[in-house]
Amino acid sequence: MDQVTLVLVRHGESEGNVAAEAALRDDLERIDVPVRDPDIELSELGRRQAAAVGTWLAKQPADDQPDVTWTSPYRRARQTGQIALDKASLELPVLVDERLRDRDMGVTDMLTGRGIRDAYPE
């Protein structure tokens, strides 16, 4: 059997990550993002992080280059993968797999810990 290497990469910093940090810092109840969680894009830092992954990929020996990529349907994950592939000059199939998506927070989506405690004290 051939050896298979699996490389896992989390998405780069997103605008949602930035907003969540600001909400926690300011002790707010809600995380202020203008779009649904699956539609949140990468921050500028997240784009640089994704490009750094691409730089790393490009430096790997040819035998260690990926053959395919899988991504969640979330925009930030798809952006991370595409930026990394572009930076590495790799043209690979990109398979979107719903099972890789972020957790679903339900009614607590976009609430901070404080917001959850205030809305659902029980």
PDB file of N, CA and C in Angstrom:
ATOM      1  N   MET A   1       0.846  -1.186   0.000  1.00  0.00           N
ATOM      2  CA  MET A   1       0.000   0.000   0.000  1.00  0.00           C
ATOM      3  C   MET A   1       0.888   1.245   0.000  1.00  0.00           C
ATOM      4  N   ASP A   2       0.524   2.212  -0.819  1.00  0.00           N
ATOM      5  CA  ASP A   2       1.263   3.464  -0.872  1.00  0.00           C
ATOM      6  C   ASP A   2       1.001   4.298   0.370  1.00  0.00           C
ATOM      7  N   GLN A   3       2.013   5.032   0.754  1.00  0.00           N
ATOM      8  CA  GLN A   3       1.871   5.934   1.888  1.00  0.00           C
ATOM      9  C   GLN A   3       1.052   7.147   1.464  1.00  0.00           C
ATOM     10  N   VAL A   4       0.158   7.577   2.325  1.00  0.00           N
ATOM     11  CA  VAL A   4      -0.651   8.765   2.078  1.00  0.00           C
ATOM     12  C   VAL A   4      -0.378   9.758   3.192  1.00  0.00           C
ATOM     13  N   THR A   5      -0.135  10.991   2.823  1.00  0.00           N
ATOM     14  CA  THR A   5       0.067  12.048   3.803  1.00  0.00           C
ATOM     15  C   THR A   5      -1.123  12.984   3.750  1.00  0.00           C
ATOM     16  N   LEU A   6      -1.656  13.269   4.900  1.00  0.00           N
ATOM     17  CA  LEU A   6      -2.782  14.186   5.006  1.00  0.00           C
ATOM     18  C   LEU A   6      -2.297  15.453   5.699  1.00  0.00           C
ATOM     19  N   VAL A   7      -2.462  16.576   5.051  1.00  0.00           N
ATOM     20  CA  VAL A   7      -2.082  17.873   5.618  1.00  0.00           C
ATOM     21  C   VAL A   7      -3.374  18.618   5.946  1.00  0.00           C
ATOM     22  N   LEU A   8      -3.540  18.972   7.209  1.00  0.00           N
ATOM     23  CA  LEU A   8      -4.730  19.704   7.634  1.00  0.00           C
ATOM     24  C   LEU A   8      -4.369  21.160   7.873  1.00  0.00           C
ATOM     25  N   VAL A   9      -5.180  22.048   7.330  1.00  0.00           N
ATOM     26  CA  VAL A   9      -4.957  23.485   7.492  1.00  0.00           C
ATOM     27  C   VAL A   9      -6.278  24.118   7.905  1.00  0.00           C
ATOM     28  N   ARG A  10      -6.262  24.828   9.006  1.00  0.00           N
ATOM     29  CA  ARG A  10      -7.446  25.575   9.411  1.00  0.00           C
ATOM     30  C   ARG A  10      -7.474  26.875   8.611  1.00  0.00           C
ATOM     31  N   HIS A  11      -8.648  27.414   8.417  1.00  0.00           N
ATOM     32  CA  HIS A  11      -8.736  28.677   7.674  1.00  0.00           C
ATOM     33  C   HIS A  11      -7.944  29.761   8.387  1.00  0.00           C
ATOM     34  N   GLY A  12      -7.512  30.750   7.616  1.00  0.00           N
ATOM     35  CA  GLY A  12      -6.821  31.888   8.202  1.00  0.00           C
ATOM     36  C   GLY A  12      -7.775  32.726   9.044  1.00  0.00           C
ATOM     37  N   GLU A  13      -7.218  33.704   9.717  1.00  0.00           N
ATOM     38  CA  GLU A  13      -8.048  34.588  10.541  1.00  0.00           C
ATOM     39  C   GLU A  13      -9.157  35.179   9.683  1.00  0.00           C
ATOM     40  N   SER A  14     -10.378  35.144  10.213  1.00  0.00           N
ATOM     41  CA  SER A  14     -11.517  35.682   9.468  1.00  0.00           C
ATOM     42  C   SER A  14     -11.974  37.005  10.074  1.00  0.00           C
ATOM     43  N   GLU A  15     -12.795  37.703   9.309  1.00  0.00           N
ATOM     44  CA  GLU A  15     -13.405  38.926   9.832  1.00  0.00           C
ATOM     45  C   GLU A  15     -14.243  38.596  11.064  1.00  0.00           C
ATOM     46  N   GLY A  16     -14.812  37.394  11.114  1.00  0.00           N
ATOM     47  CA  GLY A  16     -15.561  36.955  12.284  1.00  0.00           C
ATOM     48  C   GLY A  16     -14.671  36.778  13.500  1.00  0.00           C
ATOM     49  N   ASN A  17     -13.455  36.248  13.292  1.00  0.00           N
ATOM     50  CA  ASN A  17     -12.507  36.130  14.391  1.00  0.00           C
ATOM     51  C   ASN A  17     -12.163  37.507  14.955  1.00  0.00           C
ATOM     52  N   VAL A  18     -11.949  38.471  14.066  1.00  0.00           N
ATOM     53  CA  VAL A  18     -11.620  39.836  14.484  1.00  0.00           C
ATOM     54  C   VAL A  18     -12.791  40.436  15.268  1.00  0.00           C
ATOM     55  N   ALA A  19     -14.002  40.265  14.751  1.00  0.00           N
ATOM     56  CA  ALA A  19     -15.194  40.805  15.410  1.00  0.00           C
ATOM     57  C   ALA A  19     -15.427  40.136  16.763  1.00  0.00           C
ATOM     58  N   ALA A  20     -15.179  38.823  16.851  1.00  0.00           N
ATOM     59  CA  ALA A  20     -15.364  38.108  18.123  1.00  0.00           C
ATOM     60  C   ALA A  20     -14.372  38.604  19.168  1.00  0.00           C
ATOM     61  N   GLU A  21     -13.134  38.816  18.765  1.00  0.00           N
ATOM     62  CA  GLU A  21     -12.133  39.338  19.704  1.00  0.00           C
ATOM     63  C   GLU A  21     -12.535  40.716  20.193  1.00  0.00           C
ATOM     64  N   ALA A  22     -13.033  41.562  19.297  1.00  0.00           N
ATOM     65  CA  ALA A  22     -13.465  42.908  19.686  1.00  0.00           C
ATOM     66  C   ALA A  22     -14.657  42.842  20.636  1.00  0.00           C
ATOM     67  N   ALA A  23     -15.613  41.944  20.369  1.00  0.00           N
ATOM     68  CA  ALA A  23     -16.786  41.808  21.230  1.00  0.00           C
ATOM     69  C   ALA A  23     -16.388  41.345  22.622  1.00  0.00           C
ATOM     70  N   LEU A  24     -15.459  40.404  22.697  1.00  0.00           N
ATOM     71  CA  LEU A  24     -14.992  39.934  24.009  1.00  0.00           C
ATOM     72  C   LEU A  24     -14.245  41.044  24.740  1.00  0.00           C
ATOM     73  N   ARG A  25     -13.385  41.744  24.025  1.00  0.00           N
ATOM     74  CA  ARG A  25     -12.614  42.831  24.628  1.00  0.00           C
ATOM     75  C   ARG A  25     -13.526  43.905  25.190  1.00  0.00           C
ATOM     76  N   ASP A  26     -14.603  44.224  24.450  1.00  0.00           N
ATOM     77  CA  ASP A  26     -15.511  45.299  24.852  1.00  0.00           C
ATOM     78  C   ASP A  26     -16.686  44.796  25.694  1.00  0.00           C
ATOM     79  N   ASP A  27     -16.663  43.509  26.072  1.00  0.00           N
ATOM     80  CA  ASP A  27     -17.697  42.883  26.903  1.00  0.00           C
ATOM     81  C   ASP A  27     -19.087  43.060  26.304  1.00  0.00           C
ATOM     82  N   LEU A  28     -19.200  42.835  25.001  1.00  0.00           N
ATOM     83  CA  LEU A  28     -20.480  42.947  24.303  1.00  0.00           C
ATOM     84  C   LEU A  28     -21.220  41.613  24.325  1.00  0.00           C
ATOM     85  N   GLU A  29     -22.515  41.655  24.084  1.00  0.00           N
ATOM     86  CA  GLU A  29     -23.320  40.444  24.021  1.00  0.00           C
ATOM     87  C   GLU A  29     -23.288  39.798  22.647  1.00  0.00           C
ATOM     88  N   ARG A  30     -23.129  40.616  21.606  1.00  0.00           N
ATOM     89  CA  ARG A  30     -23.205  40.102  20.236  1.00  0.00           C
ATOM     90  C   ARG A  30     -21.913  40.374  19.477  1.00  0.00           C
ATOM     91  N   ILE A  31     -21.615  39.473  18.565  1.00  0.00           N
ATOM     92  CA  ILE A  31     -20.488  39.635  17.651  1.00  0.00           C
ATOM     93  C   ILE A  31     -21.030  40.325  16.406  1.00  0.00           C
ATOM     94  N   ASP A  32     -20.446  41.458  16.081  1.00  0.00           N
ATOM     95  CA  ASP A  32     -20.968  42.296  15.002  1.00  0.00           C
ATOM     96  C   ASP A  32     -20.342  41.920  13.657  1.00  0.00           C
ATOM     97  N   VAL A  33     -21.051  41.077  12.907  1.00  0.00           N
ATOM     98  CA  VAL A  33     -20.655  40.759  11.534  1.00  0.00           C
ATOM     99  C   VAL A  33     -21.874  40.958  10.644  1.00  0.00           C
ATOM    100  N   PRO A  34     -21.676  41.488   9.446  1.00  0.00           N
ATOM    101  CA  PRO A  34     -22.817  41.844   8.587  1.00  0.00           C
ATOM    102  C   PRO A  34     -23.371  40.710   7.728  1.00  0.00           C
ATOM    103  N   VAL A  35     -22.786  39.510   7.832  1.00  0.00           N
ATOM    104  CA  VAL A  35     -23.216  38.402   6.982  1.00  0.00           C
ATOM    105  C   VAL A  35     -23.421  37.137   7.811  1.00  0.00           C
ATOM    106  N   ARG A  36     -24.044  36.135   7.191  1.00  0.00           N
ATOM    107  CA  ARG A  36     -24.195  34.831   7.851  1.00  0.00           C
ATOM    108  C   ARG A  36     -22.812  34.221   8.093  1.00  0.00           C
ATOM    109  N   ASP A  37     -22.698  33.409   9.136  1.00  0.00           N
ATOM    110  CA  ASP A  37     -21.410  32.806   9.470  1.00  0.00           C
ATOM    111  C   ASP A  37     -20.741  32.121   8.281  1.00  0.00           C
ATOM    112  N   PRO A  38     -21.456  31.335   7.473  1.00  0.00           N
ATOM    113  CA  PRO A  38     -20.784  30.678   6.339  1.00  0.00           C
ATOM    114  C   PRO A  38     -20.223  31.647   5.295  1.00  0.00           C
ATOM    115  N   ASP A  39     -20.686  32.896   5.321  1.00  0.00           N
ATOM    116  CA  ASP A  39     -20.280  33.872   4.315  1.00  0.00           C
ATOM    117  C   ASP A  39     -19.172  34.819   4.785  1.00  0.00           C
ATOM    118  N   ILE A  40     -18.689  34.634   5.991  1.00  0.00           N
ATOM    119  CA  ILE A  40     -17.639  35.510   6.530  1.00  0.00           C
ATOM    120  C   ILE A  40     -16.334  35.275   5.771  1.00  0.00           C
ATOM    121  N   GLU A  41     -15.689  36.364   5.407  1.00  0.00           N
ATOM    122  CA  GLU A  41     -14.450  36.297   4.627  1.00  0.00           C
ATOM    123  C   GLU A  41     -13.219  36.374   5.524  1.00  0.00           C
ATOM    124  N   LEU A  42     -12.076  36.121   4.909  1.00  0.00           N
ATOM    125  CA  LEU A  42     -10.805  36.259   5.607  1.00  0.00           C
ATOM    126  C   LEU A  42     -10.496  37.722   5.881  1.00  0.00           C
ATOM    127  N   SER A  43      -9.805  37.963   6.979  1.00  0.00           N
ATOM    128  CA  SER A  43      -9.261  39.286   7.255  1.00  0.00           C
ATOM    129  C   SER A  43      -7.982  39.446   6.428  1.00  0.00           C
ATOM    130  N   GLU A  44      -7.402  40.618   6.466  1.00  0.00           N
ATOM    131  CA  GLU A  44      -6.133  40.826   5.759  1.00  0.00           C
ATOM    132  C   GLU A  44      -5.061  39.897   6.321  1.00  0.00           C
ATOM    133  N   LEU A  45      -5.019  39.763   7.649  1.00  0.00           N
ATOM    134  CA  LEU A  45      -4.060  38.838   8.261  1.00  0.00           C
ATOM    135  C   LEU A  45      -4.352  37.411   7.788  1.00  0.00           C
ATOM    136  N   GLY A  46      -5.607  37.028   7.705  1.00  0.00           N
ATOM    137  CA  GLY A  46      -5.969  35.698   7.236  1.00  0.00           C
ATOM    138  C   GLY A  46      -5.498  35.439   5.815  1.00  0.00           C
ATOM    139  N   ARG A  47      -5.555  36.459   4.972  1.00  0.00           N
ATOM    140  CA  ARG A  47      -5.049  36.314   3.596  1.00  0.00           C
ATOM    141  C   ARG A  47      -3.535  36.096   3.598  1.00  0.00           C
ATOM    142  N   ARG A  48      -2.837  36.814   4.462  1.00  0.00           N
ATOM    143  CA  ARG A  48      -1.385  36.626   4.568  1.00  0.00           C
ATOM    144  C   ARG A  48      -1.060  35.228   5.115  1.00  0.00           C
ATOM    145  N   GLN A  49      -1.855  34.766   6.078  1.00  0.00           N
ATOM    146  CA  GLN A  49      -1.640  33.424   6.627  1.00  0.00           C
ATOM    147  C   GLN A  49      -1.849  32.366   5.540  1.00  0.00           C
ATOM    148  N   ALA A  50      -2.882  32.537   4.733  1.00  0.00           N
ATOM    149  CA  ALA A  50      -3.152  31.590   3.649  1.00  0.00           C
ATOM    150  C   ALA A  50      -2.008  31.595   2.635  1.00  0.00           C
ATOM    151  N   ALA A  51      -1.500  32.779   2.325  1.00  0.00           N
ATOM    152  CA  ALA A  51      -0.365  32.873   1.398  1.00  0.00           C
ATOM    153  C   ALA A  51       0.868  32.193   1.984  1.00  0.00           C
ATOM    154  N   ALA A  52       1.056  32.274   3.293  1.00  0.00           N
ATOM    155  CA  ALA A  52       2.193  31.608   3.942  1.00  0.00           C
ATOM    156  C   ALA A  52       2.083  30.092   3.797  1.00  0.00           C
ATOM    157  N   VAL A  53       0.870  29.563   3.877  1.00  0.00           N
ATOM    158  CA  VAL A  53       0.673  28.128   3.640  1.00  0.00           C
ATOM    159  C   VAL A  53       1.083  27.791   2.205  1.00  0.00           C
ATOM    160  N   GLY A  54       0.702  28.647   1.261  1.00  0.00           N
ATOM    161  CA  GLY A  54       1.083  28.428  -0.133  1.00  0.00           C
ATOM    162  C   GLY A  54       2.585  28.460  -0.329  1.00  0.00           C
ATOM    163  N   THR A  55       3.255  29.375   0.352  1.00  0.00           N
ATOM    164  CA  THR A  55       4.721  29.442   0.275  1.00  0.00           C
ATOM    165  C   THR A  55       5.326  28.138   0.794  1.00  0.00           C
ATOM    166  N   TRP A  56       4.788  27.635   1.906  1.00  0.00           N
ATOM    167  CA  TRP A  56       5.255  26.365   2.467  1.00  0.00           C
ATOM    168  C   TRP A  56       5.009  25.223   1.485  1.00  0.00           C
ATOM    169  N   LEU A  57       3.813  25.164   0.910  1.00  0.00           N
ATOM    170  CA  LEU A  57       3.493  24.105  -0.053  1.00  0.00           C
ATOM    171  C   LEU A  57       4.452  24.124  -1.239  1.00  0.00           C
ATOM    172  N   ALA A  58       4.745  25.314  -1.731  1.00  0.00           N
ATOM    173  CA  ALA A  58       5.616  25.447  -2.899  1.00  0.00           C
ATOM    174  C   ALA A  58       7.023  24.921  -2.621  1.00  0.00           C
ATOM    175  N   LYS A  59       7.450  24.946  -1.376  1.00  0.00           N
ATOM    176  CA  LYS A  59       8.797  24.496  -1.004  1.00  0.00           C
ATOM    177  C   LYS A  59       8.883  22.990  -0.776  1.00  0.00           C
ATOM    178  N   GLN A  60       7.755  22.304  -0.800  1.00  0.00           N
ATOM    179  CA  GLN A  60       7.757  20.860  -0.566  1.00  0.00           C
ATOM    180  C   GLN A  60       8.271  20.143  -1.812  1.00  0.00           C
ATOM    181  N   PRO A  61       8.979  19.024  -1.616  1.00  0.00           N
ATOM    182  CA  PRO A  61       9.441  18.246  -2.775  1.00  0.00           C
ATOM    183  C   PRO A  61       8.258  17.821  -3.643  1.00  0.00           C
ATOM    184  N   ALA A  62       8.503  17.621  -4.903  1.00  0.00           N
ATOM    185  CA  ALA A  62       7.432  17.272  -5.848  1.00  0.00           C
ATOM    186  C   ALA A  62       6.628  16.065  -5.381  1.00  0.00           C
ATOM    187  N   ASP A  63       7.294  15.077  -4.799  1.00  0.00           N
ATOM    188  CA  ASP A  63       6.590  13.879  -4.322  1.00  0.00           C
ATOM    189  C   ASP A  63       5.691  14.168  -3.125  1.00  0.00           C
ATOM    190  N   ASP A  64       5.927  15.280  -2.453  1.00  0.00           N
ATOM    191  CA  ASP A  64       5.127  15.642  -1.281  1.00  0.00           C
ATOM    192  C   ASP A  64       4.059  16.694  -1.594  1.00  0.00           C
ATOM    193  N   GLN A  65       3.978  17.095  -2.846  1.00  0.00           N
ATOM    194  CA  GLN A  65       2.951  18.072  -3.234  1.00  0.00           C
ATOM    195  C   GLN A  65       1.578  17.399  -3.169  1.00  0.00           C
ATOM    196  N   PRO A  66       0.563  18.137  -2.787  1.00  0.00           N
ATOM    197  CA  PRO A  66      -0.770  17.531  -2.727  1.00  0.00           C
ATOM    198  C   PRO A  66      -1.293  17.185  -4.118  1.00  0.00           C
ATOM    199  N   ASP A  67      -2.205  16.207  -4.131  1.00  0.00           N
ATOM    200  CA  ASP A  67      -2.855  15.792  -5.376  1.00  0.00           C
ATOM    201  C   ASP A  67      -4.268  16.347  -5.483  1.00  0.00           C
ATOM    202  N   VAL A  68      -4.857  16.661  -4.356  1.00  0.00           N
ATOM    203  CA  VAL A  68      -6.239  17.114  -4.303  1.00  0.00           C
ATOM    204  C   VAL A  68      -6.417  17.919  -3.016  1.00  0.00           C
ATOM    205  N   THR A  69      -7.406  18.769  -2.996  1.00  0.00           N
ATOM    206  CA  THR A  69      -7.728  19.500  -1.769  1.00  0.00           C
ATOM    207  C   THR A  69      -9.209  19.306  -1.464  1.00  0.00           C
ATOM    208  N   TRP A  70      -9.506  19.280  -0.188  1.00  0.00           N
ATOM    209  CA  TRP A  70     -10.892  19.262   0.285  1.00  0.00           C
ATOM    210  C   TRP A  70     -11.081  20.507   1.130  1.00  0.00           C
ATOM    211  N   THR A  71     -12.248  21.069   1.067  1.00  0.00           N
ATOM    212  CA  THR A  71     -12.551  22.259   1.857  1.00  0.00           C
ATOM    213  C   THR A  71     -13.998  22.208   2.324  1.00  0.00           C
ATOM    214  N   SER A  72     -14.247  22.938   3.387  1.00  0.00           N
ATOM    215  CA  SER A  72     -15.630  23.108   3.821  1.00  0.00           C
ATOM    216  C   SER A  72     -16.303  24.094   2.871  1.00  0.00           C
ATOM    217  N   PRO A  73     -17.619  24.199   2.911  1.00  0.00           N
ATOM    218  CA  PRO A  73     -18.293  25.165   2.049  1.00  0.00           C
ATOM    219  C   PRO A  73     -18.185  26.603   2.556  1.00  0.00           C
ATOM    220  N   TYR A  74     -17.624  26.798   3.738  1.00  0.00           N
ATOM    221  CA  TYR A  74     -17.538  28.150   4.296  1.00  0.00           C
ATOM    222  C   TYR A  74     -16.569  28.998   3.483  1.00  0.00           C
ATOM    223  N   ARG A  75     -16.966  30.236   3.240  1.00  0.00           N
ATOM    224  CA  ARG A  75     -16.180  31.124   2.380  1.00  0.00           C
ATOM    225  C   ARG A  75     -14.740  31.265   2.866  1.00  0.00           C
ATOM    226  N   ARG A  76     -14.536  31.442   4.159  1.00  0.00           N
ATOM    227  CA  ARG A  76     -13.182  31.647   4.682  1.00  0.00           C
ATOM    228  C   ARG A  76     -12.286  30.431   4.427  1.00  0.00           C
ATOM    229  N   ALA A  77     -12.852  29.239   4.478  1.00  0.00           N
ATOM    230  CA  ALA A  77     -12.077  28.028   4.205  1.00  0.00           C
ATOM    231  C   ALA A  77     -11.746  27.926   2.721  1.00  0.00           C
ATOM    232  N   ARG A  78     -12.733  28.206   1.879  1.00  0.00           N
ATOM    233  CA  ARG A  78     -12.485  28.157   0.430  1.00  0.00           C
ATOM    234  C   ARG A  78     -11.451  29.206   0.030  1.00  0.00           C
ATOM    235  N   GLN A  79     -11.534  30.415   0.639  1.00  0.00           N
ATOM    236  CA  GLN A  79     -10.554  31.459   0.336  1.00  0.00           C
ATOM    237  C   GLN A  79      -9.155  31.025   0.758  1.00  0.00           C
ATOM    238  N   THR A  80      -9.047  30.459   1.947  1.00  0.00           N
ATOM    239  CA  THR A  80      -7.743  30.021   2.440  1.00  0.00           C
ATOM    240  C   THR A  80      -7.114  29.034   1.462  1.00  0.00           C
ATOM    241  N   GLY A  81      -7.888  28.042   1.048  1.00  0.00           N
ATOM    242  CA  GLY A  81      -7.368  27.043   0.118  1.00  0.00           C
ATOM    243  C   GLY A  81      -6.969  27.630  -1.209  1.00  0.00           C
ATOM    244  N   GLN A  82      -7.808  28.497  -1.761  1.00  0.00           N
ATOM    245  CA  GLN A  82      -7.507  29.052  -3.079  1.00  0.00           C
ATOM    246  C   GLN A  82      -6.292  29.965  -3.042  1.00  0.00           C
ATOM    247  N   ILE A  83      -6.183  30.777  -2.013  1.00  0.00           N
ATOM    248  CA  ILE A  83      -5.005  31.649  -1.899  1.00  0.00           C
ATOM    249  C   ILE A  83      -3.738  30.808  -1.774  1.00  0.00           C
ATOM    250  N   ALA A  84      -3.794  29.755  -0.950  1.00  0.00           N
ATOM    251  CA  ALA A  84      -2.624  28.887  -0.774  1.00  0.00           C
ATOM    252  C   ALA A  84      -2.252  28.205  -2.085  1.00  0.00           C
ATOM    253  N   LEU A  85      -3.239  27.673  -2.795  1.00  0.00           N
ATOM    254  CA  LEU A  85      -2.954  27.012  -4.074  1.00  0.00           C
ATOM    255  C   LEU A  85      -2.399  27.990  -5.095  1.00  0.00           C
ATOM    256  N   ASP A  86      -2.973  29.178  -5.152  1.00  0.00           N
ATOM    257  CA  ASP A  86      -2.473  30.191  -6.093  1.00  0.00           C
ATOM    258  C   ASP A  86      -1.030  30.553  -5.774  1.00  0.00           C
ATOM    259  N   LYS A  87      -0.734  30.761  -4.500  1.00  0.00           N
ATOM    260  CA  LYS A  87       0.624  31.147  -4.087  1.00  0.00           C
ATOM    261  C   LYS A  87       1.622  30.035  -4.428  1.00  0.00           C
ATOM    262  N   ALA A  88       1.180  28.773  -4.289  1.00  0.00           N
ATOM    263  CA  ALA A  88       2.051  27.633  -4.581  1.00  0.00           C
ATOM    264  C   ALA A  88       2.070  27.286  -6.068  1.00  0.00           C
ATOM    265  N   SER A  89       1.291  28.008  -6.875  1.00  0.00           N
ATOM    266  CA  SER A  89       1.152  27.724  -8.313  1.00  0.00           C
ATOM    267  C   SER A  89       0.715  26.285  -8.557  1.00  0.00           C
ATOM    268  N   LEU A  90      -0.251  25.834  -7.753  1.00  0.00           N
ATOM    269  CA  LEU A  90      -0.791  24.486  -7.899  1.00  0.00           C
ATOM    270  C   LEU A  90      -2.205  24.565  -8.451  1.00  0.00           C
ATOM    271  N   GLU A  91      -2.455  23.798  -9.469  1.00  0.00           N
ATOM    272  CA  GLU A  91      -3.808  23.682 -10.021  1.00  0.00           C
ATOM    273  C   GLU A  91      -4.311  22.292  -9.677  1.00  0.00           C
ATOM    274  N   LEU A  92      -5.135  22.223  -8.642  1.00  0.00           N
ATOM    275  CA  LEU A  92      -5.627  20.947  -8.131  1.00  0.00           C
ATOM    276  C   LEU A  92      -7.140  20.939  -8.089  1.00  0.00           C
ATOM    277  N   PRO A  93      -7.715  19.745  -8.127  1.00  0.00           N
ATOM    278  CA  PRO A  93      -9.154  19.669  -7.880  1.00  0.00           C
ATOM    279  C   PRO A  93      -9.437  20.139  -6.459  1.00  0.00           C
ATOM    280  N   VAL A  94     -10.491  20.919  -6.298  1.00  0.00           N
ATOM    281  CA  VAL A  94     -10.926  21.378  -4.976  1.00  0.00           C
ATOM    282  C   VAL A  94     -12.310  20.792  -4.736  1.00  0.00           C
ATOM    283  N   LEU A  95     -12.384  19.899  -3.777  1.00  0.00           N
ATOM    284  CA  LEU A  95     -13.632  19.235  -3.450  1.00  0.00           C
ATOM    285  C   LEU A  95     -14.241  19.882  -2.210  1.00  0.00           C
ATOM    286  N   VAL A  96     -15.475  20.332  -2.338  1.00  0.00           N
ATOM    287  CA  VAL A  96     -16.179  20.949  -1.208  1.00  0.00           C
ATOM    288  C   VAL A  96     -16.970  19.856  -0.511  1.00  0.00           C
ATOM    289  N   ASP A  97     -16.742  19.724   0.796  1.00  0.00           N
ATOM    290  CA  ASP A  97     -17.388  18.664   1.570  1.00  0.00           C
ATOM    291  C   ASP A  97     -18.094  19.273   2.779  1.00  0.00           C
ATOM    292  N   GLU A  98     -19.399  19.150   2.791  1.00  0.00           N
ATOM    293  CA  GLU A  98     -20.230  19.702   3.855  1.00  0.00           C
ATOM    294  C   GLU A  98     -19.806  19.200   5.235  1.00  0.00           C
ATOM    295  N   ARG A  99     -19.265  17.993   5.308  1.00  0.00           N
ATOM    296  CA  ARG A  99     -18.868  17.425   6.599  1.00  0.00           C
ATOM    297  C   ARG A  99     -17.693  18.165   7.226  1.00  0.00           C
ATOM    298  N   LEU A 100     -17.025  19.004   6.469  1.00  0.00           N
ATOM    299  CA  LEU A 100     -15.881  19.751   6.986  1.00  0.00           C
ATOM    300  C   LEU A 100     -16.256  21.143   7.481  1.00  0.00           C
ATOM    301  N   ARG A 101     -17.524  21.467   7.430  1.00  0.00           N
ATOM    302  CA  ARG A 101     -17.933  22.822   7.806  1.00  0.00           C
ATOM    303  C   ARG A 101     -17.788  23.053   9.302  1.00  0.00           C
ATOM    304  N   ASP A 102     -17.817  24.310   9.669  1.00  0.00           N
ATOM    305  CA  ASP A 102     -17.714  24.716  11.060  1.00  0.00           C
ATOM    306  C   ASP A 102     -18.938  24.242  11.826  1.00  0.00           C
ATOM    307  N   ARG A 103     -18.840  24.284  13.110  1.00  0.00           N
ATOM    308  CA  ARG A 103     -19.972  23.881  13.954  1.00  0.00           C
ATOM    309  C   ARG A 103     -21.145  24.837  13.758  1.00  0.00           C
ATOM    310  N   ASP A 104     -22.340  24.334  13.993  1.00  0.00           N
ATOM    311  CA  ASP A 104     -23.554  25.138  13.895  1.00  0.00           C
ATOM    312  C   ASP A 104     -23.955  25.550  15.294  1.00  0.00           C
ATOM    313  N   MET A 105     -23.951  26.825  15.559  1.00  0.00           N
ATOM    314  CA  MET A 105     -24.205  27.332  16.903  1.00  0.00           C
ATOM    315  C   MET A 105     -25.692  27.555  17.188  1.00  0.00           C
ATOM    316  N   GLY A 106     -26.543  27.342  16.191  1.00  0.00           N
ATOM    317  CA  GLY A 106     -27.984  27.468  16.409  1.00  0.00           C
ATOM    318  C   GLY A 106     -28.378  28.848  16.918  1.00  0.00           C
ATOM    319  N   VAL A 107     -29.235  28.873  17.956  1.00  0.00           N
ATOM    320  CA  VAL A 107     -29.759  30.148  18.469  1.00  0.00           C
ATOM    321  C   VAL A 107     -28.682  30.989  19.141  1.00  0.00           C
ATOM    322  N   THR A 108     -27.542  30.393  19.437  1.00  0.00           N
ATOM    323  CA  THR A 108     -26.469  31.162  20.081  1.00  0.00           C
ATOM    324  C   THR A 108     -25.488  31.746  19.071  1.00  0.00           C
ATOM    325  N   ASP A 109     -25.753  31.542  17.771  1.00  0.00           N
ATOM    326  CA  ASP A 109     -24.867  32.068  16.744  1.00  0.00           C
ATOM    327  C   ASP A 109     -24.706  33.572  16.909  1.00  0.00           C
ATOM    328  N   MET A 110     -23.493  34.025  16.866  1.00  0.00           N
ATOM    329  CA  MET A 110     -23.086  35.426  16.960  1.00  0.00           C
ATOM    330  C   MET A 110     -23.249  36.021  18.366  1.00  0.00           C
ATOM    331  N   LEU A 111     -23.476  35.179  19.362  1.00  0.00           N
ATOM    332  CA  LEU A 111     -23.507  35.660  20.740  1.00  0.00           C
ATOM    333  C   LEU A 111     -22.166  35.361  21.397  1.00  0.00           C
ATOM    334  N   THR A 112     -21.729  36.259  22.261  1.00  0.00           N
ATOM    335  CA  THR A 112     -20.545  36.000  23.073  1.00  0.00           C
ATOM    336  C   THR A 112     -20.982  35.151  24.270  1.00  0.00           C
ATOM    337  N   GLY A 113     -20.042  34.729  25.081  1.00  0.00           N
ATOM    338  CA  GLY A 113     -20.388  34.015  26.308  1.00  0.00           C
ATOM    339  C   GLY A 113     -21.333  34.832  27.163  1.00  0.00           C
ATOM    340  N   ARG A 114     -21.061  36.115  27.275  1.00  0.00           N
ATOM    341  CA  ARG A 114     -21.938  37.003  28.041  1.00  0.00           C
ATOM    342  C   ARG A 114     -23.334  37.040  27.424  1.00  0.00           C
ATOM    343  N   GLY A 115     -23.397  37.133  26.105  1.00  0.00           N
ATOM    344  CA  GLY A 115     -24.683  37.183  25.429  1.00  0.00           C
ATOM    345  C   GLY A 115     -25.495  35.915  25.649  1.00  0.00           C
ATOM    346  N   ILE A 116     -24.813  34.766  25.644  1.00  0.00           N
ATOM    347  CA  ILE A 116     -25.505  33.498  25.892  1.00  0.00           C
ATOM    348  C   ILE A 116     -26.034  33.465  27.320  1.00  0.00           C
ATOM    349  N   ARG A 117     -25.211  33.847  28.289  1.00  0.00           N
ATOM    350  CA  ARG A 117     -25.638  33.853  29.692  1.00  0.00           C
ATOM    351  C   ARG A 117     -26.814  34.799  29.913  1.00  0.00           C
ATOM    352  N   ASP A 118     -26.778  35.972  29.269  1.00  0.00           N
ATOM    353  CA  ASP A 118     -27.856  36.938  29.432  1.00  0.00           C
ATOM    354  C   ASP A 118     -29.156  36.479  28.771  1.00  0.00           C
ATOM    355  N   ALA A 119     -29.033  35.864  27.583  1.00  0.00           N
ATOM    356  CA  ALA A 119     -30.230  35.425  26.858  1.00  0.00           C
ATOM    357  C   ALA A 119     -30.805  34.120  27.409  1.00  0.00           C
ATOM    358  N   TYR A 120     -29.924  33.272  27.932  1.00  0.00           N
ATOM    359  CA  TYR A 120     -30.349  31.954  28.414  1.00  0.00           C
ATOM    360  C   TYR A 120     -29.751  31.701  29.803  1.00  0.00           C
ATOM    361  N   PRO A 121     -30.208  32.425  30.803  1.00  0.00           N
ATOM    362  CA  PRO A 121     -29.609  32.314  32.134  1.00  0.00           C
ATOM    363  C   PRO A 121     -29.699  30.923  32.753  1.00  0.00           C
ATOM    364  N   GLU A 122     -30.662  30.142  32.311  1.00  0.00           N
ATOM    365  CA  GLU A 122     -30.786  28.787  32.862  1.00  0.00           C
ATOM    366  C   GLU A 122     -29.628  27.919  32.421  1.00  0.00           C
TER     367      GLU A 122
END
